[in-house]
Amino acid sequence: MKTEYVIGDLVHIPQAVELLDCTSDGAQLNIPLRFYRTKSPKIAVVAESPRDWEDYINVLCDGEVWSVRARNVYSVGEKR
């Protein structure tokens, strides 16, 4: 079952997950400008909800917007 995220949702990002600094042109992700692998678990805020066909969501983590695979993050708090 795919989790539906909306802007403002809190998500848990586990250790060793890759965060990408790249944008989507609507058809695919562009080449990443940089990436970061989490060294410890993080809490982030969903900055842009994914479209049905996208595997990535944009999150605000440590003051920066990153793209992360939706399957690598988990909802924090109540289920809608």
PDB file of N, CA and C in Angstrom:
ATOM      1  N   MET A   1       0.839  -1.184   0.000  1.00  0.00           N
ATOM      2  CA  MET A   1       0.000   0.000   0.000  1.00  0.00           C
ATOM      3  C   MET A   1       0.883   1.246   0.000  1.00  0.00           C
ATOM      4  N   LYS A   2       0.615   2.153  -0.899  1.00  0.00           N
ATOM      5  CA  LYS A   2       1.396   3.377  -1.027  1.00  0.00           C
ATOM      6  C   LYS A   2       0.859   4.433  -0.063  1.00  0.00           C
ATOM      7  N   THR A   3       1.758   5.052   0.690  1.00  0.00           N
ATOM      8  CA  THR A   3       1.376   6.105   1.621  1.00  0.00           C
ATOM      9  C   THR A   3       1.195   7.408   0.864  1.00  0.00           C
ATOM     10  N   GLU A   4       0.109   8.102   1.163  1.00  0.00           N
ATOM     11  CA  GLU A   4      -0.152   9.400   0.548  1.00  0.00           C
ATOM     12  C   GLU A   4       0.395  10.491   1.454  1.00  0.00           C
ATOM     13  N   TYR A   5       1.300  11.289   0.930  1.00  0.00           N
ATOM     14  CA  TYR A   5       1.857  12.399   1.686  1.00  0.00           C
ATOM     15  C   TYR A   5       1.314  13.708   1.142  1.00  0.00           C
ATOM     16  N   VAL A   6       1.078  14.648   2.034  1.00  0.00           N
ATOM     17  CA  VAL A   6       0.663  15.985   1.618  1.00  0.00           C
ATOM     18  C   VAL A   6       1.656  16.987   2.199  1.00  0.00           C
ATOM     19  N   ILE A   7       1.708  18.156   1.610  1.00  0.00           N
ATOM     20  CA  ILE A   7       2.631  19.193   2.070  1.00  0.00           C
ATOM     21  C   ILE A   7       2.383  19.470   3.554  1.00  0.00           C
ATOM     22  N   GLY A   8       3.464  19.477   4.316  1.00  0.00           N
ATOM     23  CA  GLY A   8       3.378  19.734   5.748  1.00  0.00           C
ATOM     24  C   GLY A   8       3.434  18.495   6.614  1.00  0.00           C
ATOM     25  N   ASP A   9       3.279  17.312   6.018  1.00  0.00           N
ATOM     26  CA  ASP A   9       3.382  16.076   6.799  1.00  0.00           C
ATOM     27  C   ASP A   9       4.789  15.898   7.343  1.00  0.00           C
ATOM     28  N   LEU A  10       4.887  15.379   8.555  1.00  0.00           N
ATOM     29  CA  LEU A  10       6.181  15.022   9.121  1.00  0.00           C
ATOM     30  C   LEU A  10       6.517  13.601   8.699  1.00  0.00           C
ATOM     31  N   VAL A  11       7.766  13.384   8.309  1.00  0.00           N
ATOM     32  CA  VAL A  11       8.220  12.054   7.925  1.00  0.00           C
ATOM     33  C   VAL A  11       9.524  11.723   8.640  1.00  0.00           C
ATOM     34  N   HIS A  12       9.707  10.447   8.893  1.00  0.00           N
ATOM     35  CA  HIS A  12      10.929   9.926   9.504  1.00  0.00           C
ATOM     36  C   HIS A  12      11.807   9.390   8.380  1.00  0.00           C
ATOM     37  N   ILE A  13      13.067   9.827   8.348  1.00  0.00           N
ATOM     38  CA  ILE A  13      14.037   9.332   7.375  1.00  0.00           C
ATOM     39  C   ILE A  13      15.071   8.520   8.157  1.00  0.00           C
ATOM     40  N   PRO A  14      15.166   7.210   7.909  1.00  0.00           N
ATOM     41  CA  PRO A  14      16.122   6.377   8.642  1.00  0.00           C
ATOM     42  C   PRO A  14      17.579   6.716   8.306  1.00  0.00           C
ATOM     43  N   GLN A  15      18.471   6.127   9.055  1.00  0.00           N
ATOM     44  CA  GLN A  15      19.904   6.243   8.801  1.00  0.00           C
ATOM     45  C   GLN A  15      20.242   5.593   7.456  1.00  0.00           C
ATOM     46  N   ALA A  16      21.253   6.121   6.762  1.00  0.00           N
ATOM     47  CA  ALA A  16      21.795   5.577   5.508  1.00  0.00           C
ATOM     48  C   ALA A  16      20.852   5.704   4.313  1.00  0.00           C
ATOM     49  N   VAL A  17      19.985   6.714   4.318  1.00  0.00           N
ATOM     50  CA  VAL A  17      19.110   6.994   3.174  1.00  0.00           C
ATOM     51  C   VAL A  17      19.724   8.145   2.381  1.00  0.00           C
ATOM     52  N   GLU A  18      19.729   8.023   1.052  1.00  0.00           N
ATOM     53  CA  GLU A  18      20.298   9.077   0.199  1.00  0.00           C
ATOM     54  C   GLU A  18      19.279  10.178  -0.056  1.00  0.00           C
ATOM     55  N   LEU A  19      19.705  11.413   0.198  1.00  0.00           N
ATOM     56  CA  LEU A  19      18.934  12.607  -0.120  1.00  0.00           C
ATOM     57  C   LEU A  19      19.616  13.253  -1.319  1.00  0.00           C
ATOM     58  N   LEU A  20      18.831  13.603  -2.329  1.00  0.00           N
ATOM     59  CA  LEU A  20      19.387  14.164  -3.565  1.00  0.00           C
ATOM     60  C   LEU A  20      18.994  15.623  -3.711  1.00  0.00           C
ATOM     61  N   ASP A  21      19.931  16.435  -4.150  1.00  0.00           N
ATOM     62  CA  ASP A  21      19.664  17.839  -4.468  1.00  0.00           C
ATOM     63  C   ASP A  21      19.445  17.918  -5.972  1.00  0.00           C
ATOM     64  N   CYS A  22      18.202  17.715  -6.371  1.00  0.00           N
ATOM     65  CA  CYS A  22      17.879  17.778  -7.802  1.00  0.00           C
ATOM     66  C   CYS A  22      16.417  18.143  -7.953  1.00  0.00           C
ATOM     67  N   THR A  23      16.046  18.524  -9.138  1.00  0.00           N
ATOM     68  CA  THR A  23      14.683  18.929  -9.415  1.00  0.00           C
ATOM     69  C   THR A  23      14.059  17.960 -10.413  1.00  0.00           C
ATOM     70  N   SER A  24      12.760  18.016 -10.495  1.00  0.00           N
ATOM     71  CA  SER A  24      12.035  17.192 -11.455  1.00  0.00           C
ATOM     72  C   SER A  24      11.519  18.101 -12.557  1.00  0.00           C
ATOM     73  N   ASP A  25      11.657  17.648 -13.799  1.00  0.00           N
ATOM     74  CA  ASP A  25      11.137  18.452 -14.909  1.00  0.00           C
ATOM     75  C   ASP A  25       9.743  17.990 -15.304  1.00  0.00           C
ATOM     76  N   GLY A  26       9.124  17.160 -14.476  1.00  0.00           N
ATOM     77  CA  GLY A  26       7.796  16.660 -14.767  1.00  0.00           C
ATOM     78  C   GLY A  26       7.805  15.265 -15.356  1.00  0.00           C
ATOM     79  N   ALA A  27       8.904  14.854 -15.972  1.00  0.00           N
ATOM     80  CA  ALA A  27       8.981  13.520 -16.556  1.00  0.00           C
ATOM     81  C   ALA A  27       9.966  12.635 -15.809  1.00  0.00           C
ATOM     82  N   GLN A  28      10.999  13.239 -15.242  1.00  0.00           N
ATOM     83  CA  GLN A  28      12.004  12.479 -14.512  1.00  0.00           C
ATOM     84  C   GLN A  28      12.834  13.427 -13.665  1.00  0.00           C
ATOM     85  N   LEU A  29      13.599  12.856 -12.740  1.00  0.00           N
ATOM     86  CA  LEU A  29      14.525  13.669 -11.959  1.00  0.00           C
ATOM     87  C   LEU A  29      15.705  14.047 -12.831  1.00  0.00           C
ATOM     88  N   ASN A  30      16.205  15.250 -12.640  1.00  0.00           N
ATOM     89  CA  ASN A  30      17.417  15.669 -13.350  1.00  0.00           C
ATOM     90  C   ASN A  30      18.638  15.088 -12.649  1.00  0.00           C
ATOM     91  N   ILE A  31      19.782  15.255 -13.241  1.00  0.00           N
ATOM     92  CA  ILE A  31      21.030  14.776 -12.639  1.00  0.00           C
ATOM     93  C   ILE A  31      21.244  15.510 -11.315  1.00  0.00           C
ATOM     94  N   PRO A  32      21.505  14.777 -10.231  1.00  0.00           N
ATOM     95  CA  PRO A  32      21.697  15.425  -8.926  1.00  0.00           C
ATOM     96  C   PRO A  32      22.915  16.343  -8.915  1.00  0.00           C
ATOM     97  N   LEU A  33      22.759  17.485  -8.272  1.00  0.00           N
ATOM     98  CA  LEU A  33      23.872  18.414  -8.099  1.00  0.00           C
ATOM     99  C   LEU A  33      24.767  17.947  -6.962  1.00  0.00           C
ATOM    100  N   ARG A  34      24.164  17.327  -5.961  1.00  0.00           N
ATOM    101  CA  ARG A  34      24.890  16.768  -4.829  1.00  0.00           C
ATOM    102  C   ARG A  34      23.969  15.786  -4.124  1.00  0.00           C
ATOM    103  N   PHE A  35      24.552  14.985  -3.248  1.00  0.00           N
ATOM    104  CA  PHE A  35      23.730  14.083  -2.457  1.00  0.00           C
ATOM    105  C   PHE A  35      24.291  13.994  -1.048  1.00  0.00           C
ATOM    106  N   TYR A  36      23.456  13.517  -0.162  1.00  0.00           N
ATOM    107  CA  TYR A  36      23.831  13.366   1.240  1.00  0.00           C
ATOM    108  C   TYR A  36      23.246  12.049   1.736  1.00  0.00           C
ATOM    109  N   ARG A  37      24.029  11.234   2.385  1.00  0.00           N
ATOM    110  CA  ARG A  37      23.542   9.995   3.001  1.00  0.00           C
ATOM    111  C   ARG A  37      23.421  10.261   4.492  1.00  0.00           C
ATOM    112  N   THR A  38      22.214  10.065   5.022  1.00  0.00           N
ATOM    113  CA  THR A  38      21.983  10.360   6.431  1.00  0.00           C
ATOM    114  C   THR A  38      22.859   9.483   7.330  1.00  0.00           C
ATOM    115  N   LYS A  39      23.462  10.118   8.295  1.00  0.00           N
ATOM    116  CA  LYS A  39      24.327   9.408   9.243  1.00  0.00           C
ATOM    117  C   LYS A  39      23.547   8.961  10.476  1.00  0.00           C
ATOM    118  N   SER A  40      22.396   9.566  10.671  1.00  0.00           N
ATOM    119  CA  SER A  40      21.507   9.208  11.780  1.00  0.00           C
ATOM    120  C   SER A  40      20.074   9.465  11.311  1.00  0.00           C
ATOM    121  N   PRO A  41      19.084   8.926  11.996  1.00  0.00           N
ATOM    122  CA  PRO A  41      17.689   9.179  11.599  1.00  0.00           C
ATOM    123  C   PRO A  41      17.372  10.673  11.648  1.00  0.00           C
ATOM    124  N   LYS A  42      16.487  11.097  10.758  1.00  0.00           N
ATOM    125  CA  LYS A  42      16.095  12.507  10.654  1.00  0.00           C
ATOM    126  C   LYS A  42      14.582  12.625  10.632  1.00  0.00           C
ATOM    127  N   ILE A  43      14.090  13.775  11.036  1.00  0.00           N
ATOM    128  CA  ILE A  43      12.682  14.133  10.868  1.00  0.00           C
ATOM    129  C   ILE A  43      12.650  15.244   9.830  1.00  0.00           C
ATOM    130  N   ALA A  44      11.738  15.137   8.866  1.00  0.00           N
ATOM    131  CA  ALA A  44      11.640  16.127   7.792  1.00  0.00           C
ATOM    132  C   ALA A  44      10.179  16.493   7.572  1.00  0.00           C
ATOM    133  N   VAL A  45       9.966  17.560   6.817  1.00  0.00           N
ATOM    134  CA  VAL A  45       8.626  18.020   6.463  1.00  0.00           C
ATOM    135  C   VAL A  45       8.464  17.865   4.961  1.00  0.00           C
ATOM    136  N   VAL A  46       7.342  17.297   4.531  1.00  0.00           N
ATOM    137  CA  VAL A  46       7.082  17.139   3.097  1.00  0.00           C
ATOM    138  C   VAL A  46       6.888  18.526   2.490  1.00  0.00           C
ATOM    139  N   ALA A  47       7.694  18.848   1.477  1.00  0.00           N
ATOM    140  CA  ALA A  47       7.636  20.156   0.823  1.00  0.00           C
ATOM    141  C   ALA A  47       6.831  20.100  -0.474  1.00  0.00           C
ATOM    142  N   GLU A  48       6.748  18.925  -1.067  1.00  0.00           N
ATOM    143  CA  GLU A  48       5.970  18.753  -2.302  1.00  0.00           C
ATOM    144  C   GLU A  48       5.500  17.317  -2.355  1.00  0.00           C
ATOM    145  N   SER A  49       4.191  17.130  -2.518  1.00  0.00           N
ATOM    146  CA  SER A  49       3.688  15.763  -2.570  1.00  0.00           C
ATOM    147  C   SER A  49       3.957  15.152  -3.936  1.00  0.00           C
ATOM    148  N   PRO A  50       4.172  13.860  -3.958  1.00  0.00           N
ATOM    149  CA  PRO A  50       4.495  13.196  -5.225  1.00  0.00           C
ATOM    150  C   PRO A  50       3.270  13.027  -6.112  1.00  0.00           C
ATOM    151  N   ARG A  51       3.515  12.935  -7.400  1.00  0.00           N
ATOM    152  CA  ARG A  51       2.453  12.569  -8.333  1.00  0.00           C
ATOM    153  C   ARG A  51       2.368  11.050  -8.321  1.00  0.00           C
ATOM    154  N   ASP A  52       1.321  10.498  -8.889  1.00  0.00           N
ATOM    155  CA  ASP A  52       1.095   9.052  -8.857  1.00  0.00           C
ATOM    156  C   ASP A  52       2.268   8.259  -9.402  1.00  0.00           C
ATOM    157  N   TRP A  53       2.957   8.769 -10.415  1.00  0.00           N
ATOM    158  CA  TRP A  53       4.008   8.011 -11.086  1.00  0.00           C
ATOM    159  C   TRP A  53       5.392   8.281 -10.515  1.00  0.00           C
ATOM    160  N   GLU A  54       5.517   9.208  -9.583  1.00  0.00           N
ATOM    161  CA  GLU A  54       6.836   9.563  -9.058  1.00  0.00           C
ATOM    162  C   GLU A  54       7.240   8.684  -7.887  1.00  0.00           C
ATOM    163  N   ASP A  55       8.496   8.321  -7.830  1.00  0.00           N
ATOM    164  CA  ASP A  55       9.050   7.557  -6.715  1.00  0.00           C
ATOM    165  C   ASP A  55       9.651   8.465  -5.657  1.00  0.00           C
ATOM    166  N   TYR A  56       9.824   9.748  -5.967  1.00  0.00           N
ATOM    167  CA  TYR A  56      10.508  10.680  -5.067  1.00  0.00           C
ATOM    168  C   TYR A  56       9.554  11.733  -4.536  1.00  0.00           C
ATOM    169  N   ILE A  57       9.825  12.174  -3.304  1.00  0.00           N
ATOM    170  CA  ILE A  57       9.122  13.325  -2.747  1.00  0.00           C
ATOM    171  C   ILE A  57      10.174  14.351  -2.342  1.00  0.00           C
ATOM    172  N   ASN A  58       9.770  15.597  -2.291  1.00  0.00           N
ATOM    173  CA  ASN A  58      10.670  16.656  -1.831  1.00  0.00           C
ATOM    174  C   ASN A  58      10.374  16.911  -0.360  1.00  0.00           C
ATOM    175  N   VAL A  59      11.441  16.952   0.425  1.00  0.00           N
ATOM    176  CA  VAL A  59      11.298  17.178   1.861  1.00  0.00           C
ATOM    177  C   VAL A  59      12.222  18.314   2.300  1.00  0.00           C
ATOM    178  N   LEU A  60      11.816  18.987   3.359  1.00  0.00           N
ATOM    179  CA  LEU A  60      12.656  20.007   3.993  1.00  0.00           C
ATOM    180  C   LEU A  60      13.326  19.334   5.179  1.00  0.00           C
ATOM    181  N   CYS A  61      14.645  19.204   5.096  1.00  0.00           N
ATOM    182  CA  CYS A  61      15.411  18.519   6.133  1.00  0.00           C
ATOM    183  C   CYS A  61      16.650  19.351   6.457  1.00  0.00           C
ATOM    184  N   ASP A  62      16.832  19.677   7.700  1.00  0.00           N
ATOM    185  CA  ASP A  62      17.978  20.483   8.145  1.00  0.00           C
ATOM    186  C   ASP A  62      18.094  21.796   7.372  1.00  0.00           C
ATOM    187  N   GLY A  63      16.959  22.418   7.072  1.00  0.00           N
ATOM    188  CA  GLY A  63      16.945  23.725   6.428  1.00  0.00           C
ATOM    189  C   GLY A  63      17.126  23.726   4.923  1.00  0.00           C
ATOM    190  N   GLU A  64      17.155  22.542   4.294  1.00  0.00           N
ATOM    191  CA  GLU A  64      17.325  22.453   2.845  1.00  0.00           C
ATOM    192  C   GLU A  64      16.284  21.516   2.248  1.00  0.00           C
ATOM    193  N   VAL A  65      15.916  21.772   0.999  1.00  0.00           N
ATOM    194  CA  VAL A  65      14.968  20.894   0.298  1.00  0.00           C
ATOM    195  C   VAL A  65      15.744  19.812  -0.439  1.00  0.00           C
ATOM    196  N   TRP A  66      15.333  18.549  -0.212  1.00  0.00           N
ATOM    197  CA  TRP A  66      15.976  17.390  -0.815  1.00  0.00           C
ATOM    198  C   TRP A  66      14.919  16.508  -1.465  1.00  0.00           C
ATOM    199  N   SER A  67      15.318  15.735  -2.463  1.00  0.00           N
ATOM    200  CA  SER A  67      14.465  14.699  -3.030  1.00  0.00           C
ATOM    201  C   SER A  67      14.881  13.378  -2.409  1.00  0.00           C
ATOM    202  N   VAL A  68      13.885  12.580  -2.016  1.00  0.00           N
ATOM    203  CA  VAL A  68      14.152  11.291  -1.372  1.00  0.00           C
ATOM    204  C   VAL A  68      13.112  10.291  -1.878  1.00  0.00           C
ATOM    205  N   ARG A  69      13.529   9.033  -2.028  1.00  0.00           N
ATOM    206  CA  ARG A  69      12.587   8.003  -2.457  1.00  0.00           C
ATOM    207  C   ARG A  69      11.475   7.872  -1.417  1.00  0.00           C
ATOM    208  N   ALA A  70      10.234   7.919  -1.888  1.00  0.00           N
ATOM    209  CA  ALA A  70       9.087   7.837  -0.987  1.00  0.00           C
ATOM    210  C   ALA A  70       9.083   6.533  -0.192  1.00  0.00           C
ATOM    211  N   ARG A  71       9.582   5.454  -0.762  1.00  0.00           N
ATOM    212  CA  ARG A  71       9.596   4.165  -0.043  1.00  0.00           C
ATOM    213  C   ARG A  71      10.597   4.151   1.111  1.00  0.00           C
ATOM    214  N   ASN A  72      11.481   5.152   1.183  1.00  0.00           N
ATOM    215  CA  ASN A  72      12.483   5.211   2.244  1.00  0.00           C
ATOM    216  C   ASN A  72      12.075   6.080   3.424  1.00  0.00           C
ATOM    217  N   VAL A  73      10.889   6.674   3.371  1.00  0.00           N
ATOM    218  CA  VAL A  73      10.435   7.527   4.474  1.00  0.00           C
ATOM    219  C   VAL A  73       9.164   6.944   5.076  1.00  0.00           C
ATOM    220  N   TYR A  74       8.917   7.316   6.332  1.00  0.00           N
ATOM    221  CA  TYR A  74       7.769   6.794   7.070  1.00  0.00           C
ATOM    222  C   TYR A  74       7.020   7.949   7.720  1.00  0.00           C
ATOM    223  N   SER A  75       5.712   7.859   7.762  1.00  0.00           N
ATOM    224  CA  SER A  75       4.877   8.892   8.387  1.00  0.00           C
ATOM    225  C   SER A  75       5.151   8.967   9.878  1.00  0.00           C
ATOM    226  N   VAL A  76       5.064  10.179  10.401  1.00  0.00           N
ATOM    227  CA  VAL A  76       5.194  10.407  11.845  1.00  0.00           C
ATOM    228  C   VAL A  76       3.850  10.922  12.317  1.00  0.00           C
ATOM    229  N   GLY A  77       3.364  10.360  13.395  1.00  0.00           N
ATOM    230  CA  GLY A  77       2.102  10.840  13.973  1.00  0.00           C
ATOM    231  C   GLY A  77       0.889  10.076  13.491  1.00  0.00           C
ATOM    232  N   GLU A  78      -0.259  10.746  13.565  1.00  0.00           N
ATOM    233  CA  GLU A  78      -1.539  10.124  13.239  1.00  0.00           C
ATOM    234  C   GLU A  78      -1.670   9.753  11.780  1.00  0.00           C
ATOM    235  N   LYS A  79      -2.398   8.685  11.531  1.00  0.00           N
ATOM    236  CA  LYS A  79      -2.770   8.310  10.164  1.00  0.00           C
ATOM    237  C   LYS A  79      -4.014   9.086   9.797  1.00  0.00           C
ATOM    238  N   ARG A  80      -4.128   9.501   8.562  1.00  0.00           N
ATOM    239  CA  ARG A  80      -5.309  10.251   8.113  1.00  0.00           C
ATOM    240  C   ARG A  80      -6.420   9.306   7.725  1.00  0.00           C
TER     241      ARG A  80
END
